[in-house]
């Protein structure tokens, strides 16, 4: 039982480290993260406009998705 608990905690720790390494990067008024395949996912908007267009690319990376929380 102890062995399984240690394995579970280790796996959870690795998941947390992976998430921390993928911090949002700014590009103009947008925040984005990159995928393993080199695409950008918009994760936030810092501007004041109420109507915006999703850009085709950010810092040379193709925008593949928008995930706002």
C-alpha atoms as a PDB file:
ATOM      1  CA  UNK A   1       0.000   0.000   0.000  1.00  0.00           C
ATOM      2  CA  UNK A   2       2.812   2.388   0.889  1.00  0.00           C
ATOM      3  CA  UNK A   3       4.491   1.648  -2.437  1.00  0.00           C
ATOM      4  CA  UNK A   4       1.375   2.595  -4.413  1.00  0.00           C
ATOM      5  CA  UNK A   5       0.903   5.793  -2.443  1.00  0.00           C
ATOM      6  CA  UNK A   6       4.503   6.831  -3.162  1.00  0.00           C
ATOM      7  CA  UNK A   7       4.036   6.115  -6.876  1.00  0.00           C
ATOM      8  CA  UNK A   8       0.814   8.110  -6.942  1.00  0.00           C
ATOM      9  CA  UNK A   9       2.432  11.087  -5.210  1.00  0.00           C
ATOM     10  CA  UNK A  10       5.418  10.939  -7.563  1.00  0.00           C
ATOM     11  CA  UNK A  11       3.141  10.940 -10.625  1.00  0.00           C
ATOM     12  CA  UNK A  12       1.159  13.866  -9.231  1.00  0.00           C
ATOM     13  CA  UNK A  13       4.395  15.776  -8.595  1.00  0.00           C
ATOM     14  CA  UNK A  14       5.502  15.247 -12.188  1.00  0.00           C
ATOM     15  CA  UNK A  15       2.176  16.583 -13.435  1.00  0.00           C
ATOM     16  CA  UNK A  16       2.591  19.721 -11.348  1.00  0.00           C
ATOM     17  CA  UNK A  17       6.126  20.274 -12.604  1.00  0.00           C
ATOM     18  CA  UNK A  18       4.953  19.912 -16.193  1.00  0.00           C
ATOM     19  CA  UNK A  19       2.241  22.520 -15.709  1.00  0.00           C
ATOM     20  CA  UNK A  20       4.613  24.985 -14.053  1.00  0.00           C
ATOM     21  CA  UNK A  21       7.056  24.731 -16.955  1.00  0.00           C
ATOM     22  CA  UNK A  22       4.358  25.859 -19.390  1.00  0.00           C
ATOM     23  CA  UNK A  23       3.937  29.421 -18.178  1.00  0.00           C
ATOM     24  CA  UNK A  24       1.940  31.901 -20.222  1.00  0.00           C
ATOM     25  CA  UNK A  25       4.025  34.180 -22.422  1.00  0.00           C
ATOM     26  CA  UNK A  26       2.923  37.678 -23.480  1.00  0.00           C
ATOM     27  CA  UNK A  27       2.601  38.822 -27.102  1.00  0.00           C
ATOM     28  CA  UNK A  28       1.016  42.233 -27.497  1.00  0.00           C
ATOM     29  CA  UNK A  29      -2.350  42.131 -25.694  1.00  0.00           C
ATOM     30  CA  UNK A  30      -2.444  38.313 -25.594  1.00  0.00           C
ATOM     31  CA  UNK A  31      -1.106  35.642 -23.281  1.00  0.00           C
ATOM     32  CA  UNK A  32      -0.321  32.275 -24.801  1.00  0.00           C
ATOM     33  CA  UNK A  33       1.328  28.949 -24.142  1.00  0.00           C
ATOM     34  CA  UNK A  34       2.994  26.686 -26.673  1.00  0.00           C
ATOM     35  CA  UNK A  35       2.156  23.111 -27.533  1.00  0.00           C
ATOM     36  CA  UNK A  36       4.636  20.287 -28.013  1.00  0.00           C
ATOM     37  CA  UNK A  37       4.087  20.643 -31.771  1.00  0.00           C
ATOM     38  CA  UNK A  38       5.073  24.327 -31.714  1.00  0.00           C
ATOM     39  CA  UNK A  39       1.660  25.975 -31.943  1.00  0.00           C
ATOM     40  CA  UNK A  40       0.296  28.776 -29.765  1.00  0.00           C
ATOM     41  CA  UNK A  41      -2.796  28.488 -27.563  1.00  0.00           C
ATOM     42  CA  UNK A  42      -4.212  31.824 -26.443  1.00  0.00           C
ATOM     43  CA  UNK A  43      -4.836  31.741 -22.699  1.00  0.00           C
ATOM     44  CA  UNK A  44      -5.672  35.350 -21.935  1.00  0.00           C
ATOM     45  CA  UNK A  45      -6.314  38.866 -23.213  1.00  0.00           C
ATOM     46  CA  UNK A  46      -4.822  41.930 -21.535  1.00  0.00           C
ATOM     47  CA  UNK A  47      -6.286  44.667 -23.731  1.00  0.00           C
ATOM     48  CA  UNK A  48      -9.257  46.901 -23.110  1.00  0.00           C
ATOM     49  CA  UNK A  49     -11.142  46.406 -26.380  1.00  0.00           C
ATOM     50  CA  UNK A  50     -14.443  44.570 -26.042  1.00  0.00           C
ATOM     51  CA  UNK A  51     -14.363  43.264 -29.611  1.00  0.00           C
ATOM     52  CA  UNK A  52     -11.177  41.529 -30.713  1.00  0.00           C
ATOM     53  CA  UNK A  53     -10.050  39.276 -33.528  1.00  0.00           C
ATOM     54  CA  UNK A  54      -8.101  36.120 -32.895  1.00  0.00           C
ATOM     55  CA  UNK A  55      -4.719  36.510 -34.581  1.00  0.00           C
ATOM     56  CA  UNK A  56      -3.478  33.827 -36.980  1.00  0.00           C
ATOM     57  CA  UNK A  57      -0.094  33.766 -35.238  1.00  0.00           C
ATOM     58  CA  UNK A  58       1.750  35.026 -32.159  1.00  0.00           C
ATOM     59  CA  UNK A  59       5.526  35.471 -32.245  1.00  0.00           C
ATOM     60  CA  UNK A  60       5.686  33.386 -35.405  1.00  0.00           C
ATOM     61  CA  UNK A  61       3.647  30.484 -33.955  1.00  0.00           C
ATOM     62  CA  UNK A  62       0.328  29.486 -35.534  1.00  0.00           C
ATOM     63  CA  UNK A  63      -2.597  29.977 -33.132  1.00  0.00           C
ATOM     64  CA  UNK A  64      -4.379  26.620 -32.868  1.00  0.00           C
ATOM     65  CA  UNK A  65      -6.835  27.265 -30.024  1.00  0.00           C
ATOM     66  CA  UNK A  66      -8.231  29.723 -27.489  1.00  0.00           C
ATOM     67  CA  UNK A  67      -8.591  28.551 -23.896  1.00  0.00           C
ATOM     68  CA  UNK A  68      -9.716  31.276 -21.540  1.00  0.00           C
ATOM     69  CA  UNK A  69     -10.376  30.520 -17.899  1.00  0.00           C
END
